[in-house]
N, C-alpha and C. Protein backbone atom coordinates (compact mmCIF):
# COMPACT_ATOMS: atom_id res chain seq x y z
N MET A 1 -29.84 -9.98 66.68
CA MET A 1 -30.24 -8.42 66.95
C MET A 1 -30.89 -8.49 68.27
N LYS A 2 -30.73 -7.32 68.99
CA LYS A 2 -31.52 -7.22 70.31
C LYS A 2 -32.88 -6.99 70.24
N LYS A 3 -33.67 -7.46 71.08
CA LYS A 3 -35.00 -6.97 71.11
C LYS A 3 -35.17 -5.75 71.73
N LYS A 4 -36.27 -4.90 71.40
CA LYS A 4 -36.46 -3.86 71.57
C LYS A 4 -36.45 -3.41 73.23
N SER A 5 -37.09 -4.29 73.78
CA SER A 5 -37.09 -4.56 75.04
C SER A 5 -35.82 -4.62 75.79
N GLU A 6 -34.69 -5.13 75.12
CA GLU A 6 -33.32 -4.98 75.75
C GLU A 6 -32.50 -3.82 75.44
N LEU A 7 -33.02 -2.92 74.67
CA LEU A 7 -32.21 -1.66 74.22
C LEU A 7 -32.81 -0.63 75.36
N PRO A 8 -31.47 0.40 75.54
CA PRO A 8 -32.28 1.57 76.40
C PRO A 8 -32.99 2.44 75.92
N ALA A 9 -33.76 3.27 76.82
CA ALA A 9 -34.83 4.23 76.19
C ALA A 9 -34.14 5.52 75.40
N CYS A 10 -33.03 5.72 75.59
CA CYS A 10 -32.40 6.80 74.96
C CYS A 10 -31.60 6.18 73.72
N PRO A 11 -32.23 7.02 72.46
CA PRO A 11 -31.37 6.26 71.43
C PRO A 11 -29.76 6.51 71.16
N VAL A 12 -29.35 7.79 72.02
CA VAL A 12 -28.10 7.79 71.99
C VAL A 12 -27.33 6.59 72.74
N ALA A 13 -27.91 6.16 73.77
CA ALA A 13 -27.36 5.20 74.57
C ALA A 13 -27.50 3.74 73.97
N THR A 14 -28.48 3.88 73.03
CA THR A 14 -28.69 2.48 72.11
C THR A 14 -27.47 2.36 71.14
N THR A 15 -27.33 3.56 70.67
CA THR A 15 -26.01 3.46 69.53
C THR A 15 -24.66 3.31 70.24
N VAL A 16 -24.45 3.91 71.42
CA VAL A 16 -23.34 3.65 72.16
C VAL A 16 -23.28 2.28 72.55
N SER A 17 -24.26 1.59 73.02
CA SER A 17 -24.32 0.26 73.30
C SER A 17 -23.87 -0.85 72.08
N LEU A 18 -24.23 -0.28 70.92
CA LEU A 18 -23.75 -1.06 69.87
C LEU A 18 -22.07 -0.89 69.47
N ILE A 19 -21.57 0.35 69.47
CA ILE A 19 -20.32 0.58 68.96
C ILE A 19 -19.53 1.49 69.97
N GLY A 20 -19.79 1.18 71.07
CA GLY A 20 -19.22 2.09 72.31
C GLY A 20 -17.99 1.66 72.80
N SER A 21 -17.39 0.85 72.21
CA SER A 21 -15.91 0.25 72.53
C SER A 21 -15.02 1.03 71.49
N LYS A 22 -13.70 1.36 71.89
CA LYS A 22 -12.79 1.65 71.08
C LYS A 22 -12.53 0.71 69.76
N TRP A 23 -12.55 -0.63 70.16
CA TRP A 23 -12.25 -1.49 69.00
C TRP A 23 -13.35 -1.72 68.14
N LYS A 24 -14.70 -1.57 68.55
CA LYS A 24 -15.75 -1.79 67.59
C LYS A 24 -15.82 -0.59 66.68
N LEU A 25 -15.46 0.50 67.11
CA LEU A 25 -15.33 1.90 66.16
C LEU A 25 -14.36 1.66 65.06
N LEU A 26 -13.20 0.93 65.58
CA LEU A 26 -12.12 0.85 64.49
C LEU A 26 -12.38 -0.35 63.74
N ILE A 27 -12.85 -1.26 64.07
CA ILE A 27 -13.43 -2.34 63.22
C ILE A 27 -14.31 -1.94 62.16
N ILE A 28 -15.24 -1.07 62.62
CA ILE A 28 -16.30 -0.71 61.61
C ILE A 28 -15.60 0.29 60.28
N ARG A 29 -14.51 1.07 61.14
CA ARG A 29 -13.57 2.09 60.35
C ARG A 29 -12.92 1.03 58.98
N ASN A 30 -12.45 -0.03 59.47
CA ASN A 30 -11.87 -0.89 58.70
C ASN A 30 -12.71 -1.64 57.60
N LEU A 31 -13.84 -1.89 58.16
CA LEU A 31 -14.65 -2.85 57.24
C LEU A 31 -15.46 -2.06 56.32
N ARG A 32 -15.40 -0.68 56.59
CA ARG A 32 -16.03 0.20 55.43
C ARG A 32 -15.63 -0.06 54.20
N THR A 33 -14.33 -0.30 53.85
CA THR A 33 -13.80 -0.20 52.71
C THR A 33 -13.77 -1.53 52.00
N ARG A 34 -13.80 -2.70 52.62
CA ARG A 34 -13.86 -4.15 51.96
C ARG A 34 -13.93 -5.01 53.14
N PRO A 35 -14.13 -6.28 52.58
CA PRO A 35 -13.98 -7.30 53.71
C PRO A 35 -12.64 -7.60 54.08
N TRP A 36 -12.55 -7.94 55.51
CA TRP A 36 -11.27 -8.26 55.96
C TRP A 36 -11.27 -9.61 56.71
N ARG A 37 -9.95 -10.24 56.90
CA ARG A 37 -9.88 -11.48 57.40
C ARG A 37 -9.48 -11.29 58.69
N PHE A 38 -9.66 -12.06 59.65
CA PHE A 38 -9.28 -11.91 61.02
C PHE A 38 -7.89 -11.44 61.31
N ASN A 39 -7.08 -12.10 60.71
CA ASN A 39 -5.48 -11.87 60.92
C ASN A 39 -5.30 -10.34 60.41
N GLU A 40 -5.79 -10.05 59.32
CA GLU A 40 -5.65 -8.60 58.66
C GLU A 40 -6.28 -7.55 59.89
N LEU A 41 -7.35 -7.81 60.32
CA LEU A 41 -7.97 -6.97 61.32
C LEU A 41 -6.98 -6.94 62.61
N GLN A 42 -6.72 -8.09 62.93
CA GLN A 42 -5.76 -7.98 64.31
C GLN A 42 -4.71 -7.22 63.90
N ARG A 43 -3.86 -7.70 62.80
CA ARG A 43 -2.58 -6.62 62.60
C ARG A 43 -2.81 -5.12 62.26
N SER A 44 -3.95 -4.77 61.90
CA SER A 44 -4.17 -3.38 61.62
C SER A 44 -4.65 -2.53 62.90
N LEU A 45 -5.16 -3.49 63.92
CA LEU A 45 -5.58 -2.79 65.11
C LEU A 45 -4.66 -3.13 66.17
N GLU A 46 -3.40 -2.20 66.23
CA GLU A 46 -2.29 -2.36 67.10
C GLU A 46 -2.90 -2.17 68.35
N GLY A 47 -2.58 -3.36 69.23
CA GLY A 47 -2.92 -3.52 70.79
C GLY A 47 -4.10 -4.18 70.98
N VAL A 48 -4.90 -4.60 70.02
CA VAL A 48 -5.97 -5.52 70.25
C VAL A 48 -5.71 -6.84 70.58
N SER A 49 -6.02 -7.52 71.39
CA SER A 49 -6.00 -8.90 71.80
C SER A 49 -6.97 -9.93 70.74
N GLN A 50 -6.20 -11.11 70.87
CA GLN A 50 -7.30 -12.01 69.91
C GLN A 50 -8.64 -12.11 70.44
N LYS A 51 -8.62 -11.99 71.97
CA LYS A 51 -9.87 -12.42 72.79
C LYS A 51 -10.79 -11.20 72.67
N VAL A 52 -10.11 -10.07 72.54
CA VAL A 52 -10.93 -8.97 72.39
C VAL A 52 -11.58 -8.88 71.22
N LEU A 53 -10.87 -8.93 70.09
CA LEU A 53 -11.32 -9.03 68.69
C LEU A 53 -12.31 -9.84 68.35
N THR A 54 -12.14 -11.24 68.86
CA THR A 54 -13.01 -12.17 68.67
C THR A 54 -14.49 -11.77 69.28
N THR A 55 -14.55 -11.52 70.48
CA THR A 55 -15.49 -11.01 71.26
C THR A 55 -16.14 -9.99 70.64
N SER A 56 -15.49 -8.84 70.08
CA SER A 56 -16.17 -7.93 69.43
C SER A 56 -16.96 -8.17 68.26
N LEU A 57 -16.15 -8.98 67.33
CA LEU A 57 -16.89 -9.47 66.13
C LEU A 57 -18.12 -10.16 66.44
N LYS A 58 -17.89 -11.15 67.47
CA LYS A 58 -19.06 -11.91 67.82
C LYS A 58 -20.40 -11.00 68.02
N GLU A 59 -19.95 -10.19 68.98
CA GLU A 59 -21.01 -9.13 69.44
C GLU A 59 -21.67 -8.19 68.23
N MET A 60 -20.88 -7.79 67.31
CA MET A 60 -21.27 -7.19 66.23
C MET A 60 -22.13 -8.04 65.19
N ILE A 61 -21.85 -9.17 65.07
CA ILE A 61 -22.63 -10.05 64.22
C ILE A 61 -24.07 -10.41 64.80
N ASN A 62 -23.92 -10.64 66.32
CA ASN A 62 -25.03 -10.57 66.88
C ASN A 62 -26.23 -9.54 66.88
N ASP A 63 -25.43 -8.19 66.88
CA ASP A 63 -26.24 -7.20 66.63
C ASP A 63 -26.66 -6.73 65.27
N GLY A 64 -26.00 -7.63 64.36
CA GLY A 64 -26.56 -7.45 63.09
C GLY A 64 -25.73 -6.41 62.17
N LEU A 65 -24.55 -5.80 62.78
CA LEU A 65 -23.62 -4.87 62.13
C LEU A 65 -22.70 -5.55 61.21
N VAL A 66 -22.36 -6.69 61.47
CA VAL A 66 -21.10 -7.45 60.66
C VAL A 66 -21.66 -8.86 60.27
N THR A 67 -21.11 -9.25 59.22
CA THR A 67 -21.37 -10.74 58.70
C THR A 67 -20.12 -11.46 58.51
N ARG A 68 -20.22 -12.52 58.87
CA ARG A 68 -18.99 -13.50 58.69
C ARG A 68 -19.39 -14.47 57.64
N LYS A 69 -18.35 -14.56 56.68
CA LYS A 69 -18.65 -15.48 55.49
C LYS A 69 -17.37 -16.45 55.52
N ASP A 70 -17.90 -17.71 55.78
CA ASP A 70 -16.85 -18.75 55.68
C ASP A 70 -16.76 -19.62 54.38
N TYR A 71 -15.64 -19.52 53.81
CA TYR A 71 -15.41 -20.05 52.53
C TYR A 71 -15.31 -21.44 52.39
N LYS A 72 -15.44 -22.03 53.66
CA LYS A 72 -15.37 -23.63 53.75
C LYS A 72 -14.08 -24.25 52.84
N THR A 73 -12.86 -23.79 52.89
CA THR A 73 -11.90 -24.10 52.25
C THR A 73 -10.77 -24.80 53.26
N ASN A 74 -10.00 -25.26 52.71
CA ASN A 74 -8.67 -25.93 53.44
C ASN A 74 -7.56 -25.24 52.91
N PRO A 75 -6.68 -24.42 53.33
CA PRO A 75 -6.87 -23.68 54.89
C PRO A 75 -8.14 -23.05 55.15
N PRO A 76 -8.65 -23.04 56.25
CA PRO A 76 -9.89 -22.16 56.43
C PRO A 76 -9.74 -20.64 55.94
N LYS A 77 -10.80 -20.17 55.25
CA LYS A 77 -10.72 -18.59 54.94
C LYS A 77 -12.13 -18.19 55.41
N VAL A 78 -12.06 -17.09 56.21
CA VAL A 78 -13.09 -16.48 56.82
C VAL A 78 -13.05 -14.98 56.51
N GLU A 79 -14.01 -14.34 56.18
CA GLU A 79 -13.99 -12.93 55.88
C GLU A 79 -15.12 -12.25 56.68
N TYR A 80 -15.01 -10.94 57.20
CA TYR A 80 -15.86 -10.18 57.80
C TYR A 80 -16.14 -8.97 57.04
N SER A 81 -17.35 -8.64 56.95
CA SER A 81 -17.71 -7.28 56.46
C SER A 81 -19.01 -6.70 57.09
N LEU A 82 -19.26 -5.53 56.52
CA LEU A 82 -20.38 -4.86 57.23
C LEU A 82 -21.74 -5.07 56.53
N THR A 83 -22.78 -5.04 57.22
CA THR A 83 -24.12 -5.41 56.64
C THR A 83 -24.67 -4.20 56.38
N GLU A 84 -25.79 -4.25 55.67
CA GLU A 84 -26.44 -3.03 55.28
C GLU A 84 -26.65 -2.15 56.52
N LEU A 85 -27.19 -2.62 57.78
CA LEU A 85 -27.24 -2.10 58.95
C LEU A 85 -25.86 -1.27 59.33
N GLY A 86 -24.94 -2.08 59.35
CA GLY A 86 -23.47 -1.70 59.59
C GLY A 86 -23.16 -0.56 58.60
N LEU A 87 -23.35 -0.56 57.37
CA LEU A 87 -23.12 0.58 56.49
C LEU A 87 -23.73 1.87 56.96
N LYS A 88 -25.05 1.82 57.59
CA LYS A 88 -25.74 2.90 58.05
C LYS A 88 -25.08 3.71 58.99
N MET A 89 -24.19 3.13 59.73
CA MET A 89 -23.20 3.96 60.66
C MET A 89 -22.25 4.67 60.14
N MET A 90 -22.02 4.50 58.99
CA MET A 90 -20.97 5.39 58.39
C MET A 90 -21.07 6.91 58.47
N PRO A 91 -22.22 7.57 58.56
CA PRO A 91 -22.34 8.89 58.89
C PRO A 91 -21.84 9.33 60.34
N ILE A 92 -21.91 8.40 61.12
CA ILE A 92 -21.44 8.48 62.53
C ILE A 92 -19.81 8.48 62.64
N VAL A 93 -19.42 7.55 61.79
CA VAL A 93 -17.91 7.43 61.67
C VAL A 93 -17.36 8.58 61.14
N ASP A 94 -17.76 8.99 60.01
CA ASP A 94 -17.53 10.16 59.30
C ASP A 94 -17.46 11.46 60.03
N SER A 95 -18.47 11.75 60.85
CA SER A 95 -18.67 12.81 61.81
C SER A 95 -17.65 12.78 63.02
N MET A 96 -17.06 11.56 63.48
CA MET A 96 -16.26 11.40 64.45
C MET A 96 -14.86 11.87 63.67
N ALA A 97 -14.49 11.47 62.43
CA ALA A 97 -13.50 11.63 61.99
C ALA A 97 -13.44 13.12 61.72
N GLU A 98 -14.25 13.80 61.30
CA GLU A 98 -14.29 15.08 60.74
C GLU A 98 -13.95 16.01 62.23
N PHE A 99 -14.74 15.70 63.39
CA PHE A 99 -14.34 16.12 64.51
C PHE A 99 -12.96 15.93 65.08
N GLY A 100 -12.41 14.71 64.75
CA GLY A 100 -11.10 14.56 65.41
C GLY A 100 -10.13 15.19 64.51
N ASN A 101 -10.19 15.37 63.13
CA ASN A 101 -9.41 16.33 62.30
C ASN A 101 -9.61 17.69 62.83
N TYR A 102 -10.54 18.17 63.07
CA TYR A 102 -10.81 19.73 63.64
C TYR A 102 -10.18 19.69 64.91
N TYR A 103 -10.33 18.75 65.82
CA TYR A 103 -9.69 19.04 67.30
C TYR A 103 -8.10 19.11 67.05
N LYS A 104 -7.56 18.17 66.37
CA LYS A 104 -6.23 18.13 65.86
C LYS A 104 -5.59 19.21 65.35
N SER A 105 -6.46 20.22 64.64
CA SER A 105 -6.04 21.49 63.89
C SER A 105 -5.85 22.49 65.03
N LEU A 106 -6.48 22.46 66.12
CA LEU A 106 -6.64 23.56 67.19
C LEU A 106 -5.28 23.92 67.64
């Protein structure tokens, strides 16, 4: 996780720094329901490159929003899921979905 000294003074800017990219929000949206494997996430996020998905997941792990579970099997099996901190972002995602539905209804 980032140190307090590394975070913006504005709380909105802090939140945007954690989930401000299109892909991070969509990753959070998917992980809210269950753990996902990397390839599942990549297939579900049309247009995301492997590099961007890998970078986004690593950043979210470092920020404490996502956890990576390695089952240490052969073939390799790794799953990503939200942490307790990541689950705290669900009201934000819900509000965004609510507004998106409202906007589309206009």
